[in-house]
Amino acid sequence: ILLLLVTYFMMSLTGNAEAWFIVDMVVTRGFTR
Protein backbone atom coordinates (compact mmCIF):
# COMPACT_ATOMS: atom_id res chain seq x y z
CA ILE A 1 0.00 0.00 0.00
CA LEU A 2 2.81 2.41 0.85
CA LEU A 3 4.48 1.72 -2.49
CA LEU A 4 1.21 2.41 -4.30
CA LEU A 5 0.68 5.63 -2.34
CA VAL A 6 4.09 6.89 -3.49
CA THR A 7 3.08 6.03 -7.06
CA TYR A 8 -0.18 7.96 -6.70
CA PHE A 9 1.74 10.96 -5.37
CA MET A 10 4.21 10.94 -8.27
CA MET A 11 1.33 10.64 -10.72
CA SER A 12 -0.39 13.74 -9.36
CA LEU A 13 2.86 15.69 -9.04
CA THR A 14 3.67 15.75 -12.76
CA GLY A 15 0.97 13.70 -14.49
CA ASN A 16 -1.28 16.72 -15.07
CA ALA A 17 1.42 18.91 -16.61
CA GLU A 18 -0.42 19.17 -19.94
CA ALA A 19 -3.85 19.73 -18.43
CA TRP A 20 -2.62 22.44 -16.06
CA PHE A 21 -0.04 24.38 -18.05
CA ILE A 22 -0.87 23.83 -21.71
CA VAL A 23 -2.84 27.09 -22.04
CA ASP A 24 -0.04 29.26 -20.65
CA MET A 25 2.54 27.15 -22.48
CA VAL A 26 1.06 27.77 -25.95
CA VAL A 27 0.65 31.47 -25.10
CA THR A 28 4.35 31.53 -24.22
CA ARG A 29 5.12 29.96 -27.61
CA GLY A 30 3.22 32.67 -29.44
CA PHE A 31 -0.27 31.18 -29.82
CA THR A 32 -3.52 32.66 -28.47
CA ARG A 33 -5.25 31.81 -25.20
PDB file of all heavy atoms in Angstrom:
ATOM      1  N   ILE A   1       0.837  -1.200   0.000  1.00  0.00           N
ATOM      2  CA  ILE A   1       0.000   0.000   0.000  1.00  0.00           C
ATOM      3  C   ILE A   1       0.870   1.248   0.000  1.00  0.00           C
ATOM      4  O   ILE A   1       0.608   2.216  -0.733  1.00  0.00           O
ATOM      5  CB  ILE A   1      -0.941   0.004   1.216  1.00  0.00           C
ATOM      6  CG1 ILE A   1      -1.955  -1.145   1.122  1.00  0.00           C
ATOM      7  CG2 ILE A   1      -1.667   1.343   1.325  1.00  0.00           C
ATOM      8  CD1 ILE A   1      -2.945  -1.015  -0.001  1.00  0.00           C
ATOM      9  N   LEU A   2       1.916   1.256   0.798  1.00  0.00           N
ATOM     10  CA  LEU A   2       2.807   2.412   0.853  1.00  0.00           C
ATOM     11  C   LEU A   2       3.473   2.659  -0.500  1.00  0.00           C
ATOM     12  O   LEU A   2       3.621   3.810  -0.936  1.00  0.00           O
ATOM     13  CB  LEU A   2       3.878   2.205   1.929  1.00  0.00           C
ATOM     14  CG  LEU A   2       3.375   2.216   3.380  1.00  0.00           C
ATOM     15  CD1 LEU A   2       4.517   1.888   4.333  1.00  0.00           C
ATOM     16  CD2 LEU A   2       2.768   3.558   3.736  1.00  0.00           C
ATOM     17  N   LEU A   3       3.869   1.585  -1.167  1.00  0.00           N
ATOM     18  CA  LEU A   3       4.478   1.715  -2.488  1.00  0.00           C
ATOM     19  C   LEU A   3       3.486   2.311  -3.480  1.00  0.00           C
ATOM     20  O   LEU A   3       3.832   3.183  -4.291  1.00  0.00           O
ATOM     21  CB  LEU A   3       4.966   0.353  -2.967  1.00  0.00           C
ATOM     22  CG  LEU A   3       5.670   0.306  -4.335  1.00  0.00           C
ATOM     23  CD1 LEU A   3       6.912   1.188  -4.336  1.00  0.00           C
ATOM     24  CD2 LEU A   3       6.045  -1.141  -4.686  1.00  0.00           C
ATOM     25  N   LEU A   4       2.230   1.860  -3.412  1.00  0.00           N
ATOM     26  CA  LEU A   4       1.209   2.409  -4.302  1.00  0.00           C
ATOM     27  C   LEU A   4       0.926   3.875  -3.983  1.00  0.00           C
ATOM     28  O   LEU A   4       0.700   4.684  -4.890  1.00  0.00           O
ATOM     29  CB  LEU A   4      -0.084   1.590  -4.178  1.00  0.00           C
ATOM     30  CG  LEU A   4      -0.070   0.198  -4.807  1.00  0.00           C
ATOM     31  CD1 LEU A   4      -1.380  -0.525  -4.522  1.00  0.00           C
ATOM     32  CD2 LEU A   4       0.169   0.278  -6.307  1.00  0.00           C
ATOM     33  N   LEU A   5       0.932   4.237  -2.711  1.00  0.00           N
ATOM     34  CA  LEU A   5       0.684   5.631  -2.341  1.00  0.00           C
ATOM     35  C   LEU A   5       1.759   6.559  -2.900  1.00  0.00           C
ATOM     36  O   LEU A   5       1.464   7.672  -3.354  1.00  0.00           O
ATOM     37  CB  LEU A   5       0.615   5.760  -0.817  1.00  0.00           C
ATOM     38  CG  LEU A   5      -0.618   5.136  -0.134  1.00  0.00           C
ATOM     39  CD1 LEU A   5      -0.521   5.285   1.373  1.00  0.00           C
ATOM     40  CD2 LEU A   5      -1.911   5.764  -0.651  1.00  0.00           C
ATOM     41  N   VAL A   6       3.007   6.101  -2.890  1.00  0.00           N
ATOM     42  CA  VAL A   6       4.085   6.891  -3.491  1.00  0.00           C
ATOM     43  C   VAL A   6       3.838   7.044  -4.994  1.00  0.00           C
ATOM     44  O   VAL A   6       4.040   8.122  -5.578  1.00  0.00           O
ATOM     45  CB  VAL A   6       5.453   6.246  -3.231  1.00  0.00           C
ATOM     46  CG1 VAL A   6       6.551   6.973  -4.000  1.00  0.00           C
ATOM     47  CG2 VAL A   6       5.775   6.250  -1.743  1.00  0.00           C
ATOM     48  N   THR A   7       3.380   5.989  -5.628  1.00  0.00           N
ATOM     49  CA  THR A   7       3.081   6.034  -7.062  1.00  0.00           C
ATOM     50  C   THR A   7       1.959   7.027  -7.355  1.00  0.00           C
ATOM     51  O   THR A   7       2.030   7.808  -8.316  1.00  0.00           O
ATOM     52  CB  THR A   7       2.686   4.641  -7.560  1.00  0.00           C
ATOM     53  OG1 THR A   7       3.748   3.717  -7.294  1.00  0.00           O
ATOM     54  CG2 THR A   7       2.418   4.655  -9.060  1.00  0.00           C
ATOM     55  N   TYR A   8       0.913   7.009  -6.532  1.00  0.00           N
ATOM     56  CA  TYR A   8      -0.183   7.959  -6.705  1.00  0.00           C
ATOM     57  C   TYR A   8       0.319   9.402  -6.545  1.00  0.00           C
ATOM     58  O   TYR A   8      -0.105  10.308  -7.276  1.00  0.00           O
ATOM     59  CB  TYR A   8      -1.293   7.692  -5.689  1.00  0.00           C
ATOM     60  CG  TYR A   8      -2.089   6.441  -5.945  1.00  0.00           C
ATOM     61  CD1 TYR A   8      -2.262   5.475  -4.961  1.00  0.00           C
ATOM     62  CD2 TYR A   8      -2.693   6.220  -7.178  1.00  0.00           C
ATOM     63  CE1 TYR A   8      -3.003   4.334  -5.181  1.00  0.00           C
ATOM     64  CE2 TYR A   8      -3.440   5.068  -7.415  1.00  0.00           C
ATOM     65  CZ  TYR A   8      -3.585   4.133  -6.413  1.00  0.00           C
ATOM     66  OH  TYR A   8      -4.317   2.999  -6.654  1.00  0.00           O
ATOM     67  N   PHE A   9       1.199   9.615  -5.584  1.00  0.00           N
ATOM     68  CA  PHE A   9       1.744  10.962  -5.373  1.00  0.00           C
ATOM     69  C   PHE A   9       2.535  11.433  -6.587  1.00  0.00           C
ATOM     70  O   PHE A   9       2.359  12.569  -7.058  1.00  0.00           O
ATOM     71  CB  PHE A   9       2.639  10.970  -4.125  1.00  0.00           C
ATOM     72  CG  PHE A   9       3.485  12.201  -4.004  1.00  0.00           C
ATOM     73  CD1 PHE A   9       2.923  13.413  -3.628  1.00  0.00           C
ATOM     74  CD2 PHE A   9       4.842  12.166  -4.274  1.00  0.00           C
ATOM     75  CE1 PHE A   9       3.693  14.561  -3.526  1.00  0.00           C
ATOM     76  CE2 PHE A   9       5.627  13.304  -4.173  1.00  0.00           C
ATOM     77  CZ  PHE A   9       5.046  14.504  -3.802  1.00  0.00           C
ATOM     78  N   MET A  10       3.402  10.565  -7.105  1.00  0.00           N
ATOM     79  CA  MET A  10       4.209  10.937  -8.266  1.00  0.00           C
ATOM     80  C   MET A  10       3.335  11.197  -9.490  1.00  0.00           C
ATOM     81  O   MET A  10       3.612  12.089 -10.296  1.00  0.00           O
ATOM     82  CB  MET A  10       5.225   9.833  -8.569  1.00  0.00           C
ATOM     83  CG  MET A  10       6.183   9.531  -7.428  1.00  0.00           C
ATOM     84  SD  MET A  10       7.204  10.944  -6.976  1.00  0.00           S
ATOM     85  CE  MET A  10       8.426  10.865  -8.265  1.00  0.00           C
ATOM     86  N   MET A  11       2.242  10.441  -9.597  1.00  0.00           N
ATOM     87  CA  MET A  11       1.332  10.636 -10.724  1.00  0.00           C
ATOM     88  C   MET A  11       0.691  12.016 -10.668  1.00  0.00           C
ATOM     89  O   MET A  11       0.580  12.716 -11.687  1.00  0.00           O
ATOM     90  CB  MET A  11       0.241   9.552 -10.708  1.00  0.00           C
ATOM     91  CG  MET A  11      -0.829   9.740 -11.766  1.00  0.00           C
ATOM     92  SD  MET A  11      -2.133   8.487 -11.679  1.00  0.00           S
ATOM     93  CE  MET A  11      -1.243   7.070 -12.305  1.00  0.00           C
ATOM     94  N   SER A  12       0.259  12.430  -9.471  1.00  0.00           N
ATOM     95  CA  SER A  12      -0.394  13.737  -9.355  1.00  0.00           C
ATOM     96  C   SER A  12       0.604  14.883  -9.426  1.00  0.00           C
ATOM     97  O   SER A  12       0.247  16.000  -9.814  1.00  0.00           O
ATOM     98  CB  SER A  12      -1.174  13.817  -8.035  1.00  0.00           C
ATOM     99  OG  SER A  12      -0.298  13.750  -6.928  1.00  0.00           O
ATOM    100  N   LEU A  13       1.861  14.625  -9.051  1.00  0.00           N
ATOM    101  CA  LEU A  13       2.863  15.691  -9.039  1.00  0.00           C
ATOM    102  C   LEU A  13       3.164  16.212 -10.436  1.00  0.00           C
ATOM    103  O   LEU A  13       3.263  17.431 -10.649  1.00  0.00           O
ATOM    104  CB  LEU A  13       4.149  15.182  -8.376  1.00  0.00           C
ATOM    105  CG  LEU A  13       5.302  16.188  -8.263  1.00  0.00           C
ATOM    106  CD1 LEU A  13       4.901  17.354  -7.357  1.00  0.00           C
ATOM    107  CD2 LEU A  13       6.560  15.508  -7.736  1.00  0.00           C
ATOM    108  N   THR A  14       3.302  15.319 -11.402  1.00  0.00           N
ATOM    109  CA  THR A  14       3.671  15.750 -12.763  1.00  0.00           C
ATOM    110  C   THR A  14       2.736  15.211 -13.846  1.00  0.00           C
ATOM    111  O   THR A  14       2.845  15.619 -14.996  1.00  0.00           O
ATOM    112  CB  THR A  14       5.102  15.288 -13.097  1.00  0.00           C
ATOM    113  OG1 THR A  14       5.182  13.856 -12.961  1.00  0.00           O
ATOM    114  CG2 THR A  14       6.110  15.923 -12.150  1.00  0.00           C
ATOM    115  N   GLY A  15       1.825  14.318 -13.474  1.00  0.00           N
ATOM    116  CA  GLY A  15       0.968  13.703 -14.487  1.00  0.00           C
ATOM    117  C   GLY A  15       0.038  14.666 -15.186  1.00  0.00           C
ATOM    118  O   GLY A  15      -0.347  14.452 -16.339  1.00  0.00           O
ATOM    119  N   ASN A  16      -0.352  15.752 -14.497  1.00  0.00           N
ATOM    120  CA  ASN A  16      -1.285  16.716 -15.074  1.00  0.00           C
ATOM    121  C   ASN A  16      -0.591  17.914 -15.703  1.00  0.00           C
ATOM    122  O   ASN A  16      -1.204  18.975 -15.862  1.00  0.00           O
ATOM    123  CB  ASN A  16      -2.258  17.208 -13.995  1.00  0.00           C
ATOM    124  CG  ASN A  16      -3.340  16.190 -13.690  1.00  0.00           C
ATOM    125  OD1 ASN A  16      -3.909  15.596 -14.602  1.00  0.00           O
ATOM    126  ND2 ASN A  16      -3.610  15.991 -12.414  1.00  0.00           N
ATOM    127  N   ALA A  17       0.672  17.775 -16.066  1.00  0.00           N
ATOM    128  CA  ALA A  17       1.424  18.912 -16.614  1.00  0.00           C
ATOM    129  C   ALA A  17       0.721  19.510 -17.828  1.00  0.00           C
ATOM    130  O   ALA A  17       0.583  20.737 -17.951  1.00  0.00           O
ATOM    131  CB  ALA A  17       2.844  18.461 -16.982  1.00  0.00           C
ATOM    132  N   GLU A  18       0.260  18.661 -18.738  1.00  0.00           N
ATOM    133  CA  GLU A  18      -0.416  19.165 -19.939  1.00  0.00           C
ATOM    134  C   GLU A  18      -1.732  19.853 -19.582  1.00  0.00           C
ATOM    135  O   GLU A  18      -2.035  20.947 -20.072  1.00  0.00           O
ATOM    136  CB  GLU A  18      -0.689  18.014 -20.923  1.00  0.00           C
ATOM    137  CG  GLU A  18       0.532  17.524 -21.666  1.00  0.00           C
ATOM    138  CD  GLU A  18       1.336  16.514 -20.850  1.00  0.00           C
ATOM    139  OE1 GLU A  18       1.013  16.300 -19.657  1.00  0.00           O
ATOM    140  OE2 GLU A  18       2.293  15.946 -21.385  1.00  0.00           O
ATOM    141  N   ALA A  19      -2.528  19.193 -18.752  1.00  0.00           N
ATOM    142  CA  ALA A  19      -3.847  19.732 -18.432  1.00  0.00           C
ATOM    143  C   ALA A  19      -3.758  21.062 -17.693  1.00  0.00           C
ATOM    144  O   ALA A  19      -4.618  21.935 -17.858  1.00  0.00           O
ATOM    145  CB  ALA A  19      -4.628  18.717 -17.595  1.00  0.00           C
ATOM    146  N   TRP A  20      -2.732  21.236 -16.877  1.00  0.00           N
ATOM    147  CA  TRP A  20      -2.624  22.438 -16.064  1.00  0.00           C
ATOM    148  C   TRP A  20      -1.948  23.598 -16.795  1.00  0.00           C
ATOM    149  O   TRP A  20      -2.350  24.746 -16.656  1.00  0.00           O
ATOM    150  CB  TRP A  20      -1.840  22.128 -14.785  1.00  0.00           C
ATOM    151  CG  TRP A  20      -2.615  21.394 -13.748  1.00  0.00           C
ATOM    152  CD1 TRP A  20      -3.586  20.450 -13.965  1.00  0.00           C
ATOM    153  CD2 TRP A  20      -2.505  21.540 -12.337  1.00  0.00           C
ATOM    154  NE1 TRP A  20      -4.078  19.995 -12.779  1.00  0.00           N
ATOM    155  CE2 TRP A  20      -3.435  20.636 -11.749  1.00  0.00           C
ATOM    156  CE3 TRP A  20      -1.713  22.314 -11.511  1.00  0.00           C
ATOM    157  CZ2 TRP A  20      -3.583  20.514 -10.382  1.00  0.00           C
ATOM    158  CZ3 TRP A  20      -1.866  22.187 -10.143  1.00  0.00           C
ATOM    159  CH2 TRP A  20      -2.796  21.303  -9.586  1.00  0.00           C
ATOM    160  N   PHE A  21      -0.901  23.312 -17.538  1.00  0.00           N
ATOM    161  CA  PHE A  21      -0.042  24.382 -18.047  1.00  0.00           C
ATOM    162  C   PHE A  21      -0.099  24.566 -19.559  1.00  0.00           C
ATOM    163  O   PHE A  21       0.599  25.428 -20.088  1.00  0.00           O
ATOM    164  CB  PHE A  21       1.410  24.122 -17.624  1.00  0.00           C
ATOM    165  CG  PHE A  21       1.594  24.019 -16.140  1.00  0.00           C
ATOM    166  CD1 PHE A  21       2.045  22.842 -15.560  1.00  0.00           C
ATOM    167  CD2 PHE A  21       1.292  25.086 -15.317  1.00  0.00           C
ATOM    168  CE1 PHE A  21       2.213  22.739 -14.186  1.00  0.00           C
ATOM    169  CE2 PHE A  21       1.460  25.004 -13.939  1.00  0.00           C
ATOM    170  CZ  PHE A  21       1.914  23.824 -13.369  1.00  0.00           C
ATOM    171  N   ILE A  22      -0.911  23.764 -20.253  1.00  0.00           N
ATOM    172  CA  ILE A  22      -0.867  23.829 -21.708  1.00  0.00           C
ATOM    173  C   ILE A  22      -1.348  25.185 -22.227  1.00  0.00           C
ATOM    174  O   ILE A  22      -0.822  25.700 -23.236  1.00  0.00           O
ATOM    175  CB  ILE A  22      -1.689  22.675 -22.333  1.00  0.00           C
ATOM    176  CG1 ILE A  22      -1.328  22.524 -23.803  1.00  0.00           C
ATOM    177  CG2 ILE A  22      -3.179  22.900 -22.151  1.00  0.00           C
ATOM    178  CD1 ILE A  22       0.091  22.139 -24.056  1.00  0.00           C
ATOM    179  N   VAL A  23      -2.335  25.803 -21.561  1.00  0.00           N
ATOM    180  CA  VAL A  23      -2.839  27.092 -22.040  1.00  0.00           C
ATOM    181  C   VAL A  23      -1.744  28.154 -21.959  1.00  0.00           C
ATOM    182  O   VAL A  23      -1.462  28.860 -22.940  1.00  0.00           O
ATOM    183  CB  VAL A  23      -4.076  27.532 -21.225  1.00  0.00           C
ATOM    184  CG1 VAL A  23      -4.548  28.911 -21.706  1.00  0.00           C
ATOM    185  CG2 VAL A  23      -5.197  26.517 -21.361  1.00  0.00           C
ATOM    186  N   ASP A  24      -1.106  28.267 -20.798  1.00  0.00           N
ATOM    187  CA  ASP A  24      -0.041  29.256 -20.649  1.00  0.00           C
ATOM    188  C   ASP A  24       1.171  28.886 -21.494  1.00  0.00           C
ATOM    189  O   ASP A  24       1.893  29.759 -21.991  1.00  0.00           O
ATOM    190  CB  ASP A  24       0.362  29.378 -19.181  1.00  0.00           C
ATOM    191  CG  ASP A  24       1.210  30.611 -18.911  1.00  0.00           C
ATOM    192  OD1 ASP A  24       0.871  31.693 -19.428  1.00  0.00           O
ATOM    193  OD2 ASP A  24       2.223  30.481 -18.204  1.00  0.00           O
ATOM    194  N   MET A  25       1.393  27.592 -21.691  1.00  0.00           N
ATOM    195  CA  MET A  25       2.543  27.149 -22.481  1.00  0.00           C
ATOM    196  C   MET A  25       2.411  27.580 -23.941  1.00  0.00           C
ATOM    197  O   MET A  25       3.363  28.104 -24.541  1.00  0.00           O
ATOM    198  CB  MET A  25       2.683  25.630 -22.397  1.00  0.00           C
ATOM    199  CG  MET A  25       3.812  25.065 -23.245  1.00  0.00           C
ATOM    200  SD  MET A  25       3.893  23.263 -23.105  1.00  0.00           S
ATOM    201  CE  MET A  25       5.157  22.897 -24.331  1.00  0.00           C
ATOM    202  N   VAL A  26       1.226  27.381 -24.538  1.00  0.00           N
ATOM    203  CA  VAL A  26       1.057  27.765 -25.946  1.00  0.00           C
ATOM    204  C   VAL A  26       1.054  29.286 -26.096  1.00  0.00           C
ATOM    205  O   VAL A  26       1.492  29.813 -27.124  1.00  0.00           O
ATOM    206  CB  VAL A  26      -0.228  27.153 -26.549  1.00  0.00           C
ATOM    207  CG1 VAL A  26      -0.154  25.634 -26.552  1.00  0.00           C
ATOM    208  CG2 VAL A  26      -1.472  27.618 -25.817  1.00  0.00           C
ATOM    209  N   VAL A  27       0.569  30.005 -25.057  1.00  0.00           N
ATOM    210  CA  VAL A  27       0.647  31.472 -25.098  1.00  0.00           C
ATOM    211  C   VAL A  27       2.107  31.903 -25.097  1.00  0.00           C
ATOM    212  O   VAL A  27       2.515  32.815 -25.826  1.00  0.00           O
ATOM    213  CB  VAL A  27      -0.119  32.083 -23.908  1.00  0.00           C
ATOM    214  CG1 VAL A  27       0.151  33.581 -23.809  1.00  0.00           C
ATOM    215  CG2 VAL A  27      -1.611  31.833 -24.048  1.00  0.00           C
ATOM    216  N   THR A  28       2.922  31.230 -24.270  1.00  0.00           N
ATOM    217  CA  THR A  28       4.350  31.531 -24.219  1.00  0.00           C
ATOM    218  C   THR A  28       5.021  31.277 -25.558  1.00  0.00           C
ATOM    219  O   THR A  28       5.960  31.997 -25.953  1.00  0.00           O
ATOM    220  CB  THR A  28       5.029  30.666 -23.133  1.00  0.00           C
ATOM    221  OG1 THR A  28       4.396  30.919 -21.878  1.00  0.00           O
ATOM    222  CG2 THR A  28       6.508  30.983 -23.015  1.00  0.00           C
ATOM    223  N   ARG A  29       4.533  30.289 -26.303  1.00  0.00           N
ATOM    224  CA  ARG A  29       5.118  29.957 -27.605  1.00  0.00           C
ATOM    225  C   ARG A  29       4.530  30.786 -28.744  1.00  0.00           C
ATOM    226  O   ARG A  29       4.802  30.511 -29.918  1.00  0.00           O
ATOM    227  CB  ARG A  29       4.948  28.465 -27.888  1.00  0.00           C
ATOM    228  CG  ARG A  29       5.766  27.575 -26.952  1.00  0.00           C
ATOM    229  CD  ARG A  29       5.716  26.122 -27.369  1.00  0.00           C
ATOM    230  NE  ARG A  29       6.571  25.282 -26.525  1.00  0.00           N
ATOM    231  CZ  ARG A  29       6.746  23.974 -26.693  1.00  0.00           C
ATOM    232  NH1 ARG A  29       6.111  23.351 -27.701  1.00  0.00           N
ATOM    233  NH2 ARG A  29       7.530  23.283 -25.892  1.00  0.00           N
ATOM    234  N   GLY A  30       3.692  31.743 -28.411  1.00  0.00           N
ATOM    235  CA  GLY A  30       3.216  32.668 -29.441  1.00  0.00           C
ATOM    236  C   GLY A  30       1.821  32.414 -29.953  1.00  0.00           C
ATOM    237  O   GLY A  30       1.365  33.121 -30.861  1.00  0.00           O
ATOM    238  N   PHE A  31       1.103  31.445 -29.395  1.00  0.00           N
ATOM    239  CA  PHE A  31      -0.269  31.175 -29.822  1.00  0.00           C
ATOM    240  C   PHE A  31      -1.244  31.945 -28.917  1.00  0.00           C
ATOM    241  O   PHE A  31      -0.857  32.521 -27.904  1.00  0.00           O
ATOM    242  CB  PHE A  31      -0.557  29.674 -29.776  1.00  0.00           C
ATOM    243  CG  PHE A  31       0.373  28.848 -30.642  1.00  0.00           C
ATOM    244  CD1 PHE A  31       1.453  28.172 -30.076  1.00  0.00           C
ATOM    245  CD2 PHE A  31       0.189  28.769 -32.008  1.00  0.00           C
ATOM    246  CE1 PHE A  31       2.314  27.418 -30.856  1.00  0.00           C
ATOM    247  CE2 PHE A  31       1.050  28.028 -32.801  1.00  0.00           C
ATOM    248  CZ  PHE A  31       2.118  27.349 -32.225  1.00  0.00           C
ATOM    249  N   THR A  32      -2.524  31.927 -29.247  1.00  0.00           N
ATOM    250  CA  THR A  32      -3.520  32.656 -28.472  1.00  0.00           C
ATOM    251  C   THR A  32      -4.036  31.817 -27.301  1.00  0.00           C
ATOM    252  O   THR A  32      -3.886  30.587 -27.289  1.00  0.00           O
ATOM    253  CB  THR A  32      -4.717  33.046 -29.352  1.00  0.00           C
ATOM    254  OG1 THR A  32      -5.372  31.853 -29.818  1.00  0.00           O
ATOM    255  CG2 THR A  32      -4.251  33.864 -30.549  1.00  0.00           C
ATOM    256  N   ARG A  33      -4.652  32.515 -26.332  1.00  0.00           N
ATOM    257  CA  ARG A  33      -5.248  31.805 -25.199  1.00  0.00           C
ATOM    258  C   ARG A  33      -6.396  30.912 -25.664  1.00  0.00           C
ATOM    259  O   ARG A  33      -6.606  29.818 -25.137  1.00  0.00           O
ATOM    260  CB  ARG A  33      -5.769  32.821 -24.174  1.00  0.00           C
ATOM    261  CG  ARG A  33      -6.196  32.195 -22.840  1.00  0.00           C
ATOM    262  CD  ARG A  33      -6.966  33.184 -21.982  1.00  0.00           C
ATOM    263  NE  ARG A  33      -8.242  33.517 -22.596  1.00  0.00           N
ATOM    264  CZ  ARG A  33      -8.802  34.728 -22.546  1.00  0.00           C
ATOM    265  NH1 ARG A  33      -8.172  35.704 -21.940  1.00  0.00           N
ATOM    266  NH2 ARG A  33      -9.967  34.949 -23.115  1.00  0.00           N
TER     267      ARG A  33
END
